[in-house]
N, C-alpha and C. Protein backbone atom coordinates (compact mmCIF):
# COMPACT_ATOMS: atom_id res chain seq x y z
N MET A 1 -19.68 -6.86 21.74
CA MET A 1 -18.66 -6.50 20.77
C MET A 1 -18.88 -5.05 20.36
N VAL A 2 -17.83 -4.23 20.56
CA VAL A 2 -17.87 -2.82 20.17
C VAL A 2 -16.93 -2.64 18.98
N LEU A 3 -17.51 -2.34 17.82
CA LEU A 3 -16.73 -2.11 16.60
C LEU A 3 -16.38 -0.63 16.50
N SER A 4 -15.14 -0.35 16.11
CA SER A 4 -14.72 1.03 15.92
C SER A 4 -13.76 1.10 14.75
N LEU A 5 -13.53 2.30 14.29
CA LEU A 5 -12.68 2.55 13.14
C LEU A 5 -11.85 3.79 13.44
N ARG A 6 -10.56 3.72 13.14
CA ARG A 6 -9.70 4.88 13.37
C ARG A 6 -8.65 4.98 12.29
N LYS A 7 -8.14 6.19 12.11
CA LYS A 7 -7.06 6.41 11.15
C LYS A 7 -5.77 5.86 11.76
N ALA A 8 -5.00 5.15 10.97
CA ALA A 8 -3.75 4.57 11.44
C ALA A 8 -2.71 5.65 11.69
N THR A 9 -1.84 5.38 12.63
CA THR A 9 -0.70 6.24 12.91
C THR A 9 0.58 5.44 12.66
N GLY A 10 1.72 6.09 12.78
CA GLY A 10 3.00 5.42 12.57
C GLY A 10 3.19 4.21 13.46
N SER A 11 2.58 4.24 14.63
CA SER A 11 2.72 3.11 15.55
C SER A 11 1.94 1.88 15.09
N ASP A 12 1.16 2.01 14.02
CA ASP A 12 0.38 0.89 13.49
C ASP A 12 1.09 0.15 12.35
N SER A 13 2.35 0.47 12.10
CA SER A 13 3.07 -0.12 10.97
C SER A 13 3.09 -1.64 11.02
N ALA A 14 3.32 -2.21 12.19
CA ALA A 14 3.37 -3.67 12.30
C ALA A 14 2.00 -4.29 12.01
N THR A 15 0.95 -3.65 12.50
CA THR A 15 -0.41 -4.16 12.25
C THR A 15 -0.73 -4.12 10.76
N ILE A 16 -0.39 -3.01 10.11
CA ILE A 16 -0.66 -2.88 8.68
C ILE A 16 0.12 -3.94 7.90
N ALA A 17 1.40 -4.11 8.21
CA ALA A 17 2.22 -5.11 7.52
C ALA A 17 1.64 -6.51 7.73
N ALA A 18 1.20 -6.81 8.94
CA ALA A 18 0.63 -8.13 9.22
C ALA A 18 -0.65 -8.36 8.42
N TYR A 19 -1.49 -7.34 8.30
CA TYR A 19 -2.73 -7.50 7.53
C TYR A 19 -2.45 -7.60 6.04
N LEU A 20 -1.44 -6.92 5.55
CA LEU A 20 -1.10 -7.06 4.13
C LEU A 20 -0.62 -8.49 3.85
N LYS A 21 0.07 -9.07 4.80
CA LYS A 21 0.51 -10.46 4.64
C LYS A 21 -0.68 -11.42 4.69
N LYS A 22 -1.66 -11.14 5.56
CA LYS A 22 -2.89 -11.95 5.59
C LYS A 22 -3.62 -11.86 4.25
N LEU A 23 -3.69 -10.65 3.70
CA LEU A 23 -4.35 -10.46 2.41
C LEU A 23 -3.62 -11.22 1.32
N ALA A 24 -2.30 -11.13 1.30
CA ALA A 24 -1.51 -11.84 0.29
C ALA A 24 -1.73 -13.34 0.38
N GLU A 25 -1.82 -13.85 1.59
CA GLU A 25 -2.09 -15.28 1.77
C GLU A 25 -3.47 -15.64 1.23
N PHE A 26 -4.48 -14.82 1.55
CA PHE A 26 -5.84 -15.05 1.06
C PHE A 26 -5.87 -15.05 -0.47
N GLU A 27 -5.12 -14.14 -1.08
CA GLU A 27 -5.11 -14.00 -2.54
C GLU A 27 -4.14 -14.97 -3.21
N LYS A 28 -3.49 -15.82 -2.42
CA LYS A 28 -2.51 -16.78 -2.92
C LYS A 28 -1.34 -16.07 -3.61
N LEU A 29 -0.93 -14.95 -3.00
CA LEU A 29 0.17 -14.15 -3.53
C LEU A 29 1.27 -13.93 -2.49
N SER A 30 1.34 -14.80 -1.51
CA SER A 30 2.30 -14.63 -0.41
C SER A 30 3.74 -14.47 -0.90
N LYS A 31 4.10 -15.17 -1.96
CA LYS A 31 5.49 -15.10 -2.43
C LYS A 31 5.87 -13.70 -2.92
N TYR A 32 4.87 -12.85 -3.19
CA TYR A 32 5.14 -11.49 -3.64
C TYR A 32 5.11 -10.46 -2.51
N CYS A 33 4.65 -10.87 -1.34
CA CYS A 33 4.47 -9.92 -0.24
C CYS A 33 5.64 -10.02 0.73
N ASN A 34 6.57 -9.10 0.60
CA ASN A 34 7.72 -9.07 1.50
C ASN A 34 7.86 -7.72 2.20
N VAL A 35 6.76 -6.99 2.31
CA VAL A 35 6.78 -5.67 2.93
C VAL A 35 7.13 -5.80 4.40
N THR A 36 7.88 -4.82 4.90
CA THR A 36 8.29 -4.81 6.30
C THR A 36 7.61 -3.67 7.05
N GLU A 37 7.62 -3.80 8.35
CA GLU A 37 7.09 -2.74 9.21
C GLU A 37 7.82 -1.42 8.92
N SER A 38 9.11 -1.49 8.74
CA SER A 38 9.92 -0.29 8.47
C SER A 38 9.51 0.36 7.14
N GLN A 39 9.27 -0.45 6.12
CA GLN A 39 8.84 0.10 4.83
C GLN A 39 7.47 0.76 4.95
N ILE A 40 6.56 0.14 5.69
CA ILE A 40 5.24 0.74 5.91
C ILE A 40 5.41 2.08 6.60
N SER A 41 6.23 2.12 7.63
CA SER A 41 6.47 3.36 8.35
C SER A 41 7.02 4.44 7.43
N ASP A 42 7.99 4.08 6.60
CA ASP A 42 8.57 5.04 5.66
C ASP A 42 7.51 5.56 4.69
N LEU A 43 6.67 4.66 4.17
CA LEU A 43 5.62 5.07 3.23
C LEU A 43 4.60 5.98 3.90
N MET A 44 4.33 5.74 5.17
CA MET A 44 3.36 6.58 5.89
C MET A 44 3.92 7.99 6.13
N ASN A 45 5.24 8.10 6.17
CA ASN A 45 5.87 9.40 6.42
C ASN A 45 6.13 10.20 5.16
N GLU A 46 5.91 9.62 4.00
CA GLU A 46 6.09 10.34 2.74
C GLU A 46 4.94 11.32 2.53
N GLU A 47 5.24 12.42 1.85
CA GLU A 47 4.17 13.33 1.46
C GLU A 47 3.24 12.58 0.52
N ASN A 48 1.94 12.65 0.77
CA ASN A 48 0.94 11.93 -0.02
C ASN A 48 1.24 10.44 -0.06
N GLY A 49 1.70 9.91 1.06
CA GLY A 49 2.07 8.51 1.14
C GLY A 49 0.92 7.63 1.56
N LEU A 50 1.28 6.50 2.12
CA LEU A 50 0.31 5.49 2.53
C LEU A 50 -0.51 5.99 3.71
N ASN A 51 -1.80 5.73 3.65
CA ASN A 51 -2.74 5.99 4.74
C ASN A 51 -3.49 4.69 5.01
N ALA A 52 -4.06 4.57 6.19
CA ALA A 52 -4.82 3.37 6.48
C ALA A 52 -5.89 3.65 7.52
N LEU A 53 -6.94 2.86 7.44
CA LEU A 53 -7.96 2.81 8.49
C LEU A 53 -7.80 1.47 9.18
N ILE A 54 -7.91 1.48 10.50
CA ILE A 54 -7.82 0.26 11.29
C ILE A 54 -9.20 0.01 11.90
N ALA A 55 -9.78 -1.14 11.60
CA ALA A 55 -11.03 -1.54 12.23
C ALA A 55 -10.68 -2.34 13.48
N GLU A 56 -11.43 -2.08 14.56
CA GLU A 56 -11.16 -2.76 15.82
C GLU A 56 -12.45 -3.29 16.42
N SER A 57 -12.31 -4.36 17.16
CA SER A 57 -13.39 -4.90 17.98
C SER A 57 -12.88 -4.91 19.41
N ASP A 58 -13.56 -4.17 20.26
CA ASP A 58 -13.14 -4.06 21.66
C ASP A 58 -11.66 -3.69 21.79
N GLY A 59 -11.19 -2.81 20.89
CA GLY A 59 -9.82 -2.31 20.96
C GLY A 59 -8.76 -3.16 20.28
N SER A 60 -9.13 -4.31 19.72
CA SER A 60 -8.17 -5.17 19.03
C SER A 60 -8.40 -5.10 17.53
N PRO A 61 -7.31 -5.05 16.73
CA PRO A 61 -7.46 -4.97 15.28
C PRO A 61 -8.21 -6.16 14.69
N ILE A 62 -9.10 -5.86 13.75
CA ILE A 62 -9.84 -6.92 13.04
C ILE A 62 -9.82 -6.71 11.53
N GLY A 63 -9.24 -5.59 11.08
CA GLY A 63 -9.19 -5.32 9.65
C GLY A 63 -8.45 -4.04 9.35
N VAL A 64 -8.01 -3.93 8.10
CA VAL A 64 -7.26 -2.76 7.65
C VAL A 64 -7.69 -2.39 6.23
N MET A 65 -7.78 -1.09 5.99
CA MET A 65 -7.98 -0.57 4.64
C MET A 65 -6.83 0.39 4.37
N VAL A 66 -6.05 0.10 3.33
CA VAL A 66 -4.90 0.93 2.95
C VAL A 66 -5.31 1.78 1.75
N TYR A 67 -4.99 3.07 1.81
CA TYR A 67 -5.39 3.96 0.72
C TYR A 67 -4.37 5.07 0.52
N TYR A 68 -4.49 5.72 -0.63
CA TYR A 68 -3.67 6.90 -0.94
C TYR A 68 -4.42 7.75 -1.94
N PHE A 69 -3.87 8.92 -2.22
CA PHE A 69 -4.48 9.86 -3.15
C PHE A 69 -3.62 9.95 -4.40
N TYR A 70 -4.27 9.81 -5.57
CA TYR A 70 -3.57 10.16 -6.82
C TYR A 70 -3.38 11.66 -6.74
N LYS A 71 -2.28 12.14 -7.25
CA LYS A 71 -2.06 13.58 -7.18
C LYS A 71 -3.00 14.36 -8.07
N ILE A 72 -3.46 13.74 -9.18
CA ILE A 72 -4.32 14.50 -10.09
C ILE A 72 -5.21 13.56 -10.92
N ALA A 73 -6.41 14.01 -11.15
CA ALA A 73 -7.28 13.40 -12.15
C ALA A 73 -7.52 14.53 -13.15
N ALA A 74 -6.80 14.51 -14.24
CA ALA A 74 -6.71 15.66 -15.13
C ALA A 74 -8.06 16.18 -15.61
N PHE A 75 -8.99 15.32 -15.96
CA PHE A 75 -10.26 15.78 -16.51
C PHE A 75 -11.07 16.58 -15.50
N SER A 76 -11.00 16.21 -14.24
CA SER A 76 -11.79 16.91 -13.22
C SER A 76 -10.99 18.00 -12.51
N GLY A 77 -9.68 17.95 -12.59
CA GLY A 77 -8.86 18.90 -11.86
C GLY A 77 -8.81 18.60 -10.37
N LYS A 78 -9.22 17.41 -9.99
CA LYS A 78 -9.23 17.01 -8.58
C LYS A 78 -8.39 15.75 -8.40
N ARG A 79 -8.21 15.37 -7.16
CA ARG A 79 -7.49 14.14 -6.86
C ARG A 79 -8.47 12.95 -6.86
N VAL A 80 -7.89 11.76 -6.89
CA VAL A 80 -8.65 10.51 -6.81
C VAL A 80 -8.20 9.79 -5.54
N LEU A 81 -9.15 9.26 -4.80
CA LEU A 81 -8.86 8.46 -3.62
C LEU A 81 -8.86 7.00 -4.04
N TYR A 82 -7.73 6.33 -3.81
CA TYR A 82 -7.57 4.95 -4.26
C TYR A 82 -7.40 4.02 -3.07
N VAL A 83 -8.27 3.02 -2.97
CA VAL A 83 -8.14 1.99 -1.95
C VAL A 83 -7.24 0.90 -2.53
N GLU A 84 -6.06 0.78 -1.98
CA GLU A 84 -5.09 -0.19 -2.47
C GLU A 84 -5.40 -1.60 -1.96
N ASP A 85 -5.71 -1.71 -0.67
CA ASP A 85 -5.95 -3.01 -0.08
C ASP A 85 -6.97 -2.90 1.04
N ILE A 86 -7.76 -3.95 1.19
CA ILE A 86 -8.68 -4.07 2.33
C ILE A 86 -8.72 -5.53 2.74
N PHE A 87 -8.63 -5.76 4.03
CA PHE A 87 -8.73 -7.13 4.55
C PHE A 87 -9.38 -7.08 5.92
N ILE A 88 -10.38 -7.92 6.09
CA ILE A 88 -11.10 -8.04 7.36
C ILE A 88 -11.01 -9.50 7.79
N ASP A 89 -10.67 -9.71 9.05
CA ASP A 89 -10.60 -11.08 9.55
C ASP A 89 -11.92 -11.81 9.29
N ARG A 90 -11.81 -13.06 8.90
CA ARG A 90 -12.95 -13.87 8.46
C ARG A 90 -14.13 -13.81 9.43
N GLU A 91 -13.87 -13.93 10.73
CA GLU A 91 -14.96 -13.98 11.70
C GLU A 91 -15.70 -12.65 11.85
N TYR A 92 -15.15 -11.57 11.27
CA TYR A 92 -15.82 -10.27 11.35
C TYR A 92 -16.45 -9.84 10.02
N ARG A 93 -16.32 -10.68 9.01
CA ARG A 93 -16.98 -10.37 7.74
C ARG A 93 -18.49 -10.54 7.92
N ARG A 94 -19.24 -9.75 7.23
CA ARG A 94 -20.72 -9.74 7.31
C ARG A 94 -21.23 -9.22 8.65
N CYS A 95 -20.37 -8.42 9.32
CA CYS A 95 -20.77 -7.79 10.59
C CYS A 95 -20.88 -6.27 10.44
N GLY A 96 -20.76 -5.78 9.22
CA GLY A 96 -20.87 -4.35 8.99
C GLY A 96 -19.54 -3.61 8.96
N VAL A 97 -18.43 -4.31 9.14
CA VAL A 97 -17.11 -3.67 9.18
C VAL A 97 -16.75 -3.08 7.82
N GLY A 98 -16.93 -3.86 6.75
CA GLY A 98 -16.61 -3.37 5.41
C GLY A 98 -17.45 -2.16 5.05
N LYS A 99 -18.73 -2.21 5.36
CA LYS A 99 -19.61 -1.07 5.08
C LYS A 99 -19.14 0.17 5.85
N MET A 100 -18.77 -0.03 7.11
CA MET A 100 -18.29 1.06 7.93
C MET A 100 -17.01 1.67 7.32
N MET A 101 -16.12 0.81 6.84
CA MET A 101 -14.88 1.30 6.23
C MET A 101 -15.16 2.09 4.96
N PHE A 102 -16.05 1.58 4.11
CA PHE A 102 -16.33 2.29 2.86
C PHE A 102 -17.10 3.58 3.10
N GLU A 103 -17.95 3.62 4.10
CA GLU A 103 -18.62 4.89 4.44
C GLU A 103 -17.60 5.92 4.89
N ARG A 104 -16.63 5.49 5.71
CA ARG A 104 -15.62 6.44 6.19
C ARG A 104 -14.70 6.88 5.07
N ILE A 105 -14.30 5.97 4.19
CA ILE A 105 -13.39 6.36 3.11
C ILE A 105 -14.08 7.33 2.15
N GLN A 106 -15.39 7.17 1.96
CA GLN A 106 -16.13 8.14 1.13
C GLN A 106 -16.16 9.51 1.80
N GLU A 107 -16.31 9.53 3.12
CA GLU A 107 -16.26 10.80 3.85
C GLU A 107 -14.90 11.47 3.67
N ILE A 108 -13.84 10.68 3.78
CA ILE A 108 -12.49 11.22 3.59
C ILE A 108 -12.34 11.78 2.18
N GLY A 109 -12.82 11.06 1.19
CA GLY A 109 -12.76 11.55 -0.19
C GLY A 109 -13.50 12.86 -0.37
N ASN A 110 -14.66 12.98 0.24
CA ASN A 110 -15.42 14.24 0.17
C ASN A 110 -14.69 15.36 0.90
N GLU A 111 -14.14 15.06 2.07
CA GLU A 111 -13.39 16.07 2.84
C GLU A 111 -12.20 16.58 2.06
N GLN A 112 -11.57 15.70 1.27
CA GLN A 112 -10.38 16.07 0.50
C GLN A 112 -10.72 16.53 -0.92
N HIS A 113 -12.01 16.69 -1.21
CA HIS A 113 -12.49 17.19 -2.51
C HIS A 113 -12.01 16.32 -3.68
N CYS A 114 -12.06 15.01 -3.49
CA CYS A 114 -11.66 14.07 -4.54
C CYS A 114 -12.79 13.93 -5.56
N SER A 115 -12.42 13.58 -6.77
CA SER A 115 -13.43 13.40 -7.82
C SER A 115 -14.10 12.04 -7.73
N ARG A 116 -13.35 11.03 -7.23
CA ARG A 116 -13.93 9.69 -7.15
C ARG A 116 -13.09 8.80 -6.23
N LEU A 117 -13.67 7.66 -5.93
CA LEU A 117 -13.03 6.61 -5.15
C LEU A 117 -12.86 5.42 -6.08
N GLU A 118 -11.67 4.83 -6.08
CA GLU A 118 -11.40 3.67 -6.94
C GLU A 118 -10.78 2.54 -6.14
N TRP A 119 -10.99 1.32 -6.60
CA TRP A 119 -10.32 0.14 -6.06
C TRP A 119 -10.45 -0.97 -7.07
N LYS A 120 -9.72 -2.05 -6.84
CA LYS A 120 -9.78 -3.21 -7.73
C LYS A 120 -10.17 -4.44 -6.93
N CYS A 121 -10.63 -5.45 -7.65
CA CYS A 121 -11.03 -6.71 -7.02
C CYS A 121 -10.63 -7.84 -7.96
N LEU A 122 -10.09 -8.89 -7.39
CA LEU A 122 -9.74 -10.05 -8.21
C LEU A 122 -11.01 -10.67 -8.80
N ASN A 123 -10.91 -11.16 -10.03
CA ASN A 123 -12.10 -11.66 -10.72
C ASN A 123 -12.70 -12.90 -10.07
N TRP A 124 -11.95 -13.64 -9.27
CA TRP A 124 -12.48 -14.84 -8.63
C TRP A 124 -13.11 -14.55 -7.26
N ASN A 125 -12.95 -13.34 -6.74
CA ASN A 125 -13.46 -13.02 -5.40
C ASN A 125 -14.92 -12.55 -5.50
N THR A 126 -15.79 -13.50 -5.75
CA THR A 126 -17.20 -13.17 -5.99
C THR A 126 -17.91 -12.64 -4.75
N SER A 127 -17.50 -13.07 -3.57
CA SER A 127 -18.15 -12.54 -2.36
C SER A 127 -17.83 -11.06 -2.20
N ALA A 128 -16.60 -10.65 -2.48
CA ALA A 128 -16.25 -9.23 -2.43
C ALA A 128 -17.01 -8.46 -3.52
N GLN A 129 -17.12 -9.04 -4.70
CA GLN A 129 -17.84 -8.38 -5.79
C GLN A 129 -19.30 -8.14 -5.41
N ARG A 130 -19.94 -9.12 -4.77
CA ARG A 130 -21.33 -8.94 -4.32
C ARG A 130 -21.41 -7.80 -3.31
N PHE A 131 -20.46 -7.77 -2.37
CA PHE A 131 -20.44 -6.70 -1.37
C PHE A 131 -20.28 -5.34 -2.05
N TYR A 132 -19.35 -5.23 -2.99
CA TYR A 132 -19.11 -3.95 -3.66
C TYR A 132 -20.35 -3.51 -4.44
N ASP A 133 -21.05 -4.45 -5.04
CA ASP A 133 -22.30 -4.13 -5.72
C ASP A 133 -23.33 -3.59 -4.73
N GLU A 134 -23.40 -4.22 -3.55
CA GLU A 134 -24.37 -3.80 -2.53
C GLU A 134 -24.12 -2.38 -2.02
N ILE A 135 -22.85 -1.97 -1.96
CA ILE A 135 -22.55 -0.63 -1.45
C ILE A 135 -22.52 0.43 -2.56
N GLY A 136 -22.89 0.02 -3.78
CA GLY A 136 -22.98 0.98 -4.88
C GLY A 136 -21.76 1.07 -5.76
N GLY A 137 -20.81 0.16 -5.60
CA GLY A 137 -19.63 0.15 -6.46
C GLY A 137 -20.00 -0.22 -7.88
N LYS A 138 -19.35 0.39 -8.82
CA LYS A 138 -19.58 0.10 -10.23
C LYS A 138 -18.31 -0.44 -10.85
N CYS A 139 -18.40 -1.61 -11.45
CA CYS A 139 -17.26 -2.22 -12.12
C CYS A 139 -17.26 -1.77 -13.57
N ASP A 140 -16.20 -1.09 -13.97
CA ASP A 140 -16.15 -0.57 -15.34
C ASP A 140 -15.15 -1.35 -16.20
N SER A 141 -14.95 -2.62 -15.87
CA SER A 141 -13.97 -3.41 -16.59
C SER A 141 -14.29 -3.53 -18.08
N ASP A 142 -15.51 -3.26 -18.46
CA ASP A 142 -15.85 -3.33 -19.87
C ASP A 142 -15.43 -2.07 -20.62
N GLU A 143 -15.06 -1.01 -19.90
CA GLU A 143 -14.66 0.23 -20.55
C GLU A 143 -13.14 0.42 -20.56
N TRP A 144 -12.50 0.21 -19.41
CA TRP A 144 -11.08 0.45 -19.27
C TRP A 144 -10.40 -0.83 -18.83
N LEU A 145 -9.29 -1.14 -19.44
CA LEU A 145 -8.50 -2.29 -19.05
C LEU A 145 -7.28 -1.79 -18.27
N THR A 146 -6.94 -2.48 -17.22
CA THR A 146 -5.77 -2.10 -16.44
C THR A 146 -4.57 -2.90 -16.92
N TYR A 147 -3.52 -2.20 -17.32
CA TYR A 147 -2.28 -2.82 -17.72
C TYR A 147 -1.21 -2.47 -16.69
N THR A 148 -0.28 -3.36 -16.49
CA THR A 148 0.82 -3.08 -15.59
C THR A 148 2.13 -3.56 -16.19
N ILE A 149 3.21 -2.94 -15.76
CA ILE A 149 4.55 -3.40 -16.04
C ILE A 149 5.24 -3.52 -14.69
N ASN A 150 5.66 -4.71 -14.33
CA ASN A 150 6.36 -4.88 -13.07
C ASN A 150 7.74 -4.28 -13.17
N LEU A 151 8.12 -3.51 -12.18
CA LEU A 151 9.44 -2.87 -12.19
C LEU A 151 10.37 -3.52 -11.20
């Protein structure tokens, strides 16, 4: 098994959409996930739009990490790199794929002079929380609360 990681291109829109649907199913949120390949493609073509890393085993997709840049983090005067979604096929978890993805995304953040890397995790996903702790992630839920308004 040869694991590799590459930046997604426009031709990966279907793969990204499929992995977002897998993630929604895992999170029991399928009824909210209606993204299309065309929408992914459009978002990838926007300035400062959607970016993704594709993890592969022997040339076949096994996971996706979707990310984008906040335009500004006012206190630092730099941008923030935000991981919106990550999903790795079950049989490839605990094989180093997640670690490889987070190492690469940190490199991208440094290359782009970002102030920090951010992401969220559902409170019931304890296996992901353990992994994030292992790679040095810090949960600051005791300091800042995330509020949303659905539009």
